Protein backbone atom coordinates (compact mmCIF):
# COMPACT_ATOMS: atom_id res chain seq x y z
CA MET A 1 -9.09 72.14 16.21
CA LYS A 2 -9.54 72.13 12.41
CA ASN A 3 -9.46 75.47 10.72
CA GLU A 4 -9.20 76.09 7.01
CA LYS A 5 -6.92 78.89 7.94
CA THR A 6 -4.72 79.36 11.07
CA LYS A 7 -6.26 82.10 13.27
CA ASP A 8 -4.45 84.54 15.37
CA PHE A 9 -6.72 83.90 18.26
CA LEU A 10 -10.11 82.11 19.24
CA THR A 11 -13.03 83.60 20.77
CA LEU A 12 -14.81 82.00 23.86
CA GLY A 13 -17.61 81.06 21.78
CA GLU A 14 -15.45 79.12 19.28
CA VAL A 15 -13.76 77.40 22.02
CA LEU A 16 -17.04 76.46 23.68
CA GLU A 17 -18.32 74.99 20.34
CA GLU A 18 -15.32 72.83 19.96
CA GLN A 19 -15.72 71.63 23.48
CA LYS A 20 -19.19 70.35 22.89
CA LYS A 21 -17.91 68.15 20.14
CA ARG A 22 -15.81 66.34 22.72
CA PRO A 23 -16.70 63.90 25.47
CA PRO A 24 -16.56 65.56 28.95
CA ILE A 25 -13.45 64.85 31.09
CA LYS A 26 -14.62 63.35 34.29
CA TYR A 27 -13.07 62.58 37.64
CA LEU A 28 -11.35 59.29 37.67
CA TRP A 29 -10.90 58.92 41.59
CA SER A 30 -10.79 61.49 44.35
CA GLY A 31 -9.56 64.71 42.87
CA ILE A 32 -7.75 62.89 39.87
CA LYS A 33 -9.27 63.76 36.43
CA GLU A 34 -9.07 61.52 33.62
CA LYS A 35 -6.13 62.25 31.14
CA SER A 36 -4.24 64.27 33.85
CA PHE A 37 -0.61 63.88 35.11
CA GLY A 38 0.46 63.70 38.81
CA LEU A 39 2.51 62.17 41.51
CA VAL A 40 2.33 59.64 44.28
CA PHE A 41 5.25 60.64 46.66
CA GLY A 42 6.64 59.81 49.97
CA PRO A 43 9.50 58.22 51.84
CA SER A 44 11.23 54.85 51.05
CA LYS A 45 9.12 51.79 52.20
CA SER A 46 5.86 53.73 52.82
CA GLY A 47 3.90 51.84 50.30
CA LYS A 48 3.79 53.99 47.27
CA THR A 49 4.18 51.25 44.73
CA ILE A 50 1.73 49.05 46.39
CA PHE A 51 -0.78 51.82 46.51
CA CYS A 52 -0.28 52.36 42.80
CA GLU A 53 -0.52 48.57 41.99
CA ASN A 54 -3.71 48.20 43.90
CA PHE A 55 -5.11 51.22 42.22
CA ALA A 56 -4.13 49.86 38.75
CA PHE A 57 -5.60 46.35 39.55
CA LYS A 58 -9.10 48.13 40.38
CA ILE A 59 -9.02 49.88 37.00
CA ALA A 60 -7.96 46.72 35.14
CA ILE A 61 -10.87 44.75 36.42
CA GLY A 62 -13.49 47.64 36.15
CA GLU A 63 -14.03 48.06 39.97
CA THR A 64 -16.16 50.93 41.12
CA GLN A 65 -14.38 51.92 44.31
CA PHE A 66 -10.90 52.22 45.68
CA LEU A 67 -10.09 52.85 49.47
CA GLY A 68 -13.65 53.96 50.23
CA GLU A 69 -14.01 56.45 47.29
CA LYS A 70 -15.77 56.05 43.89
CA LEU A 71 -13.75 54.89 41.11
CA ASN A 72 -15.46 56.29 38.11
CA ILE A 73 -14.99 53.85 35.23
CA GLN A 74 -17.54 52.05 33.13
CA GLN A 75 -15.72 48.81 32.26
CA PRO A 76 -12.29 47.13 32.67
CA GLN A 77 -9.46 48.99 31.03
CA LYS A 78 -6.00 48.51 30.01
CA VAL A 79 -3.27 49.74 32.47
CA LEU A 80 0.46 49.87 32.00
CA PHE A 81 2.91 49.68 34.85
CA VAL A 82 6.41 50.83 33.83
CA GLY A 83 8.79 49.56 36.65
CA LEU A 84 12.18 51.01 36.16
CA GLU A 85 13.58 50.36 39.79
CA GLU A 86 12.66 46.78 40.77
CA PHE A 87 13.90 43.63 39.17
CA TRP A 88 10.84 42.33 37.22
CA GLU A 89 10.67 38.91 38.90
CA TYR A 90 10.32 40.31 42.41
CA ARG A 91 7.65 42.69 41.19
CA VAL A 92 5.65 39.93 39.29
CA ALA A 93 5.84 37.67 42.32
CA ARG A 94 4.24 40.37 44.35
CA ASN A 95 1.61 41.05 41.59
CA GLU A 96 0.83 37.34 41.59
CA LYS A 97 0.04 37.36 45.23
CA GLN A 98 -2.11 40.32 44.80
CA MET A 99 -3.83 38.73 41.87
CA LEU A 100 -4.77 35.62 43.60
CA THR A 101 -6.85 37.31 46.18
CA TYR A 102 -9.34 37.84 43.46
CA ASP A 103 -11.82 35.53 41.89
CA SER A 104 -11.30 33.64 38.73
CA SER A 105 -13.14 36.11 36.31
CA ASN A 106 -11.16 39.04 37.66
CA ILE A 107 -7.90 36.90 37.43
CA SER A 108 -8.53 36.55 33.79
CA LEU A 109 -9.21 40.34 33.45
CA LEU A 110 -5.89 41.19 35.26
CA GLU A 111 -4.00 38.72 33.20
CA ALA A 112 -5.08 40.43 29.95
CA ASN A 113 -5.37 44.02 31.07
CA TYR A 114 -2.38 44.56 33.46
CA LEU A 115 0.73 45.38 31.19
CA TYR A 116 4.32 45.55 31.73
CA GLN A 117 7.32 47.00 29.57
CA PRO A 118 9.23 44.41 27.52
CA PHE A 119 12.26 42.76 29.44
CA GLU A 120 14.75 44.50 27.16
CA PHE A 121 13.27 47.90 28.02
CA LYS A 122 15.89 50.36 29.28
CA GLY A 123 16.01 50.96 33.14
CA LYS A 124 16.68 54.60 32.76
CA ILE A 125 15.00 57.29 30.55
CA ILE A 126 17.56 60.08 30.03
CA THR A 127 18.13 60.85 26.31
CA LYS A 128 15.62 61.99 23.67
CA GLN A 129 15.62 58.62 22.17
CA ASP A 130 14.76 57.00 25.54
CA TRP A 131 11.86 59.36 25.94
CA GLU A 132 10.67 58.59 22.46
CA GLN A 133 10.64 54.80 23.31
CA LEU A 134 8.76 55.41 26.42
CA ASP A 135 6.16 57.47 24.51
CA LEU A 136 5.93 54.70 21.82
CA LEU A 137 5.44 51.98 24.68
CA VAL A 138 2.55 54.03 26.00
CA LYS A 139 0.93 54.51 22.55
CA LYS A 140 1.37 50.84 21.69
CA SER A 141 -0.12 49.72 25.05
CA LYS A 142 -3.42 51.49 24.27
CA ALA A 143 -3.56 51.73 28.03
CA SER A 144 -5.78 54.50 29.62
CA PHE A 145 -3.99 54.51 32.95
CA VAL A 146 -0.28 54.46 33.33
CA VAL A 147 2.21 54.28 36.24
CA ILE A 148 5.99 54.99 36.08
CA ASP A 149 8.17 53.93 38.93
CA SER A 150 9.95 56.28 39.44
CA ILE A 151 11.12 59.79 38.77
CA THR A 152 14.60 58.70 40.05
CA ARG A 153 15.05 56.74 36.89
CA LEU A 154 14.09 59.74 34.56
CA ASN A 155 16.63 62.10 36.24
CA HIS A 156 19.43 63.36 33.98
CA GLY A 157 20.79 65.85 36.34
CA LYS A 158 19.71 67.32 39.81
CA LEU A 159 15.97 67.68 40.66
CA GLU A 160 16.99 70.63 42.76
CA ASP A 161 17.81 72.35 39.46
CA SER A 162 14.56 73.73 38.24
CA GLU A 163 15.57 73.30 34.61
CA THR A 164 16.14 69.54 35.19
CA ALA A 165 12.85 69.10 37.10
CA GLU A 166 10.99 71.19 34.40
CA SER A 167 12.35 69.06 31.52
CA ILE A 168 11.45 65.76 33.18
CA LEU A 169 7.83 66.96 34.00
CA GLN A 170 7.28 68.57 30.61
CA ASN A 171 8.29 65.24 28.91
CA LEU A 172 5.76 63.34 31.21
CA ARG A 173 2.96 65.86 30.58
CA ASN A 174 3.60 65.39 26.85
CA ILE A 175 3.23 61.72 27.09
CA CYS A 176 0.08 62.06 29.14
CA TYR A 177 -1.69 64.60 26.82
CA ASP A 178 -0.43 63.31 23.59
CA ASN A 179 -1.71 59.79 24.36
CA GLY A 180 -4.85 60.78 26.34
CA VAL A 181 -3.83 58.68 29.48
CA THR A 182 -3.97 59.23 33.10
CA LEU A 183 -0.37 59.20 34.29
CA ILE A 184 0.96 58.73 37.76
CA CYS A 185 4.66 58.96 38.38
CA ILE A 186 6.00 57.67 41.73
CA HIS A 187 8.57 59.88 43.36
CA HIS A 188 10.73 59.50 46.37
CA THR A 189 11.23 61.90 49.27
CA PRO A 190 13.74 61.77 52.14
CA LYS A 191 12.55 60.17 55.50
CA MET A 192 10.07 62.55 56.96
CA TYR A 193 11.12 62.17 60.68
CA GLY A 194 7.52 63.00 61.99
CA LYS A 195 7.00 66.02 59.56
CA PRO A 196 3.83 66.25 57.75
CA LEU A 197 3.66 65.54 53.88
CA ASP A 198 3.46 68.60 51.70
CA MET A 199 4.98 69.77 48.40
CA ASP A 200 7.92 71.22 50.10
CA SER A 201 8.94 67.65 50.84
CA ILE A 202 9.82 67.31 47.22
CA LYS A 203 13.02 68.32 45.65
CA GLY A 204 12.39 71.06 43.02
CA SER A 205 8.94 71.40 44.69
CA SER A 206 7.97 74.68 42.94
CA VAL A 207 8.30 73.09 39.61
CA PHE A 208 6.44 69.97 40.66
CA ALA A 209 3.59 71.91 41.95
CA GLN A 210 3.51 74.04 38.81
CA GLU A 211 3.71 71.15 36.38
CA SER A 212 1.52 68.44 38.11
CA ASP A 213 -2.27 68.19 38.15
CA PHE A 214 -2.34 66.36 41.38
CA ALA A 215 0.02 65.11 44.09
CA ILE A 216 -0.87 62.24 46.62
CA GLY A 217 1.36 61.50 49.58
CA ILE A 218 2.02 58.10 51.23
CA ASN A 219 3.63 57.96 54.60
CA LYS A 220 4.52 55.55 57.34
CA THR A 221 4.97 56.94 60.85
CA ALA A 222 7.45 55.96 63.75
CA GLN A 223 4.55 53.94 65.10
CA GLU A 224 4.25 52.11 61.59
CA ASP A 225 0.85 53.80 60.97
CA ARG A 226 0.46 54.42 57.23
CA TYR A 227 -1.71 56.94 55.67
CA VAL A 228 -2.71 58.45 52.26
CA LYS A 229 -2.90 62.28 51.95
CA ASN A 230 -4.59 64.51 49.29
CA VAL A 231 -1.62 67.16 49.14
CA PHE A 232 -2.56 68.86 45.95
CA PHE A 233 -5.35 68.86 43.38
CA ARG A 234 -5.37 71.37 40.38
CA TYR A 235 -9.04 70.56 39.67
CA ALA A 236 -10.45 69.78 42.99
CA ALA A 237 -10.51 70.82 46.59
CA ASP A 238 -8.01 68.99 48.99
CA CYS A 239 -8.21 68.78 52.65
CA SER A 240 -4.77 68.90 54.39
CA ASP A 241 -6.19 67.97 57.74
CA SER A 242 -7.98 64.68 56.78
CA VAL A 243 -5.99 61.48 55.68
CA LYS A 244 -6.93 57.97 54.93
CA GLU A 245 -5.35 55.59 57.32
CA VAL A 246 -4.38 52.28 55.61
CA ASN A 247 -2.80 48.95 56.16
CA ILE A 248 -1.14 46.41 53.81
CA ASP A 249 -1.84 42.85 54.51
CA GLU A 250 0.42 39.63 53.81
CA ASN A 251 -0.77 39.58 50.13
CA THR A 252 0.20 43.28 49.72
CA ILE A 253 -3.34 44.40 49.29
CA ILE A 254 -4.02 47.88 50.73
CA HIS A 255 -7.05 48.32 52.91
CA LEU A 256 -8.73 51.38 54.35
CA VAL A 257 -8.67 51.45 58.20
CA GLY A 258 -10.43 54.61 58.65
CA ARG A 259 -10.17 58.51 58.31
CA THR A 260 -8.32 60.71 60.85
CA THR A 261 -5.84 63.63 60.85
CA GLU A 262 -2.24 63.59 59.85
CA GLN A 263 -1.29 65.38 63.05
CA LYS A 264 -3.05 62.66 65.27
CA LEU A 265 -1.08 59.87 63.59
CA LEU A 266 2.30 61.75 63.66
CA ASN A 267 1.70 62.51 67.32
CA LYS A 268 0.61 59.08 68.44
CA THR A 269 3.06 57.42 70.88
CA ASP A 270 0.76 54.62 71.78
CA ARG A 271 -2.89 53.73 71.37
CA ARG A 272 -4.06 54.49 75.07
CA ARG A 273 -5.48 57.70 76.04
CA SER A 274 -7.50 58.27 79.26
CA ASN A 275 -8.66 55.14 81.17
CA ASP A 276 -12.12 54.84 79.88
CA SER A 277 -14.23 52.27 78.19
CA ARG A 278 -12.59 52.80 74.73
CA ASP A 279 -9.23 51.66 76.23
CA LEU A 280 -10.91 48.61 77.83
CA ILE A 281 -12.44 47.85 74.22
CA ILE A 282 -9.05 48.04 72.74
CA GLU A 283 -7.46 45.75 75.38
CA TYR A 284 -10.40 43.26 75.01
CA LEU A 285 -9.69 42.92 71.28
CA ASP A 286 -5.93 42.89 71.69
CA ARG A 287 -6.04 39.76 73.83
CA THR A 288 -7.21 37.78 70.63
CA PRO A 289 -5.75 40.17 67.81
CA CYS A 290 -6.64 38.05 64.81
CA VAL A 291 -10.05 37.00 65.81
CA LEU A 292 -12.80 38.55 63.56
CA TYR A 293 -15.81 39.63 65.88
CA LYS A 294 -19.29 39.94 64.46
CA THR A 295 -20.76 43.08 65.65
CA ALA A 296 -23.64 41.55 67.42
CA ASP A 297 -21.47 39.12 69.40
CA LEU A 298 -18.86 41.74 70.19
CA VAL A 299 -21.54 44.19 71.48
CA LYS A 300 -23.12 41.54 73.66
CA ALA A 301 -19.86 40.65 75.21
CA LEU A 302 -18.76 44.18 75.81
CA THR A 303 -22.13 45.50 77.28
CA LYS A 304 -21.82 42.62 80.01
CA LYS A 305 -18.14 43.27 80.59
CA LEU A 306 -18.25 47.08 80.68
CA ASN A 307 -21.89 47.47 82.08
CA ILE A 308 -22.80 50.03 79.56
CA LYS A 309 -25.66 50.15 76.90
CA ASP A 310 -25.27 48.54 73.54
CA ARG A 311 -25.66 51.92 71.81
CA GLN A 312 -22.64 53.23 73.66
CA VAL A 313 -20.61 50.16 72.73
CA LYS A 314 -21.53 50.72 69.01
CA ASP A 315 -20.69 54.52 69.26
CA TYR A 316 -17.33 53.71 70.98
CA LEU A 317 -16.61 51.02 68.14
CA LYS A 318 -17.30 53.57 65.44
CA ARG A 319 -15.05 56.25 66.99
CA LEU A 320 -12.29 53.82 67.55
CA VAL A 321 -12.36 52.79 64.02
CA GLU A 322 -12.33 56.44 62.81
CA GLU A 323 -9.40 57.09 64.93
CA GLY A 324 -7.47 54.03 63.72
CA ASP A 325 -7.45 52.12 67.07
CA VAL A 326 -9.78 49.25 66.10
CA SER A 327 -10.03 47.53 62.66
CA ASN A 328 -13.36 47.24 60.69
CA PRO A 329 -12.04 45.13 57.80
CA LYS A 330 -15.55 44.47 56.48
CA ARG A 331 -19.08 45.49 57.17
CA GLY A 332 -20.32 44.11 60.45
CA TYR A 333 -17.03 42.92 61.78
CA TYR A 334 -14.30 44.13 64.19
CA GLN A 335 -10.84 43.00 65.09
CA SER A 336 -7.66 44.38 66.79
CA ILE A 337 -5.25 46.48 64.75
CA LYS A 338 -2.42 44.33 66.15
CA CYS A 339 -3.28 41.58 63.55
CA CYS A 340 -3.26 44.01 60.71
CA ASN A 341 0.01 45.56 61.87
CA ASN A 342 1.72 42.22 62.22
CA GLN A 343 0.47 41.16 58.71
CA GLY A 344 1.76 44.41 57.38
CA LYS A 345 5.23 43.87 58.82
CA GLU A 346 5.48 40.52 56.97
CA ALA A 347 4.42 42.05 53.69
CA ASN A 348 6.76 42.69 50.80
CA ASP A 349 6.74 46.37 51.28
CA GLU A 350 8.84 47.54 48.23
CA ALA A 351 8.27 51.20 47.50
């Protein structure tokens, strides 16, 4: 705010007047507000980096949705991915595979809008000078969305020490607010061993909760089911029970499988429940796992096989998709999740 003379305090009316002069800050995606700072966290190999890469790609091309939720941007934007852990050639090879799944116009946008740090950029950010260089990189990039992979490379002490965690997060917040960017920092947790994702999973969790505007968890269960969980939002409600079940294909593109509960995924030992029509539908699809069935053809085959009405088949299919037992890769088509799981195992799952 510009004042002729520094004031000791401001009234609500003065602050409201200043706010009217500025464009409103809107939600970017889910509970993430533009120009806010937060975390994507979870155990090793869960898919955190791939999640962030896919998210950044969508912003770079001006896409309007990501994993079934609105992406609130008006046009393609510059994004900066600061990868401090992985050798750049491995990362770029994966990004190229991801890029080639898009059409030519979007490939051109990605080539121009998806930015990396220079080859000579330091792999650890520890000293004051290092932080100044990182801040300068963000400033010069003119990016609106920035990902840093990961907090491990910013750690100058022990994250269990609240002073260390607070110092790192305050530096990140300063970069976020001073440059007016949405900033995501990837953070690794120990293996979860069937435990639910929450802020207590993070070392120095109290400081992370205090200093972050949001925290999104990514996990992979013992049965290799992946999910995305809204753990904490400062500016929006989060639902601790509901999660997005996802899979990662051979091109390291992340797909929404459906919505379910975290506990259901953690408790799942296999995909069979009681011996009912839903189990028979799963078995039918599993016999030809990578065949993509058109809804009309599948309903016709199953009504004959199971001797039930087509409305019941459609209802079963809908529930099986919601529970993550059948894949609905695109509107009007179904297939076995075995195909998706096999592709995911072959994917380069760094993160």
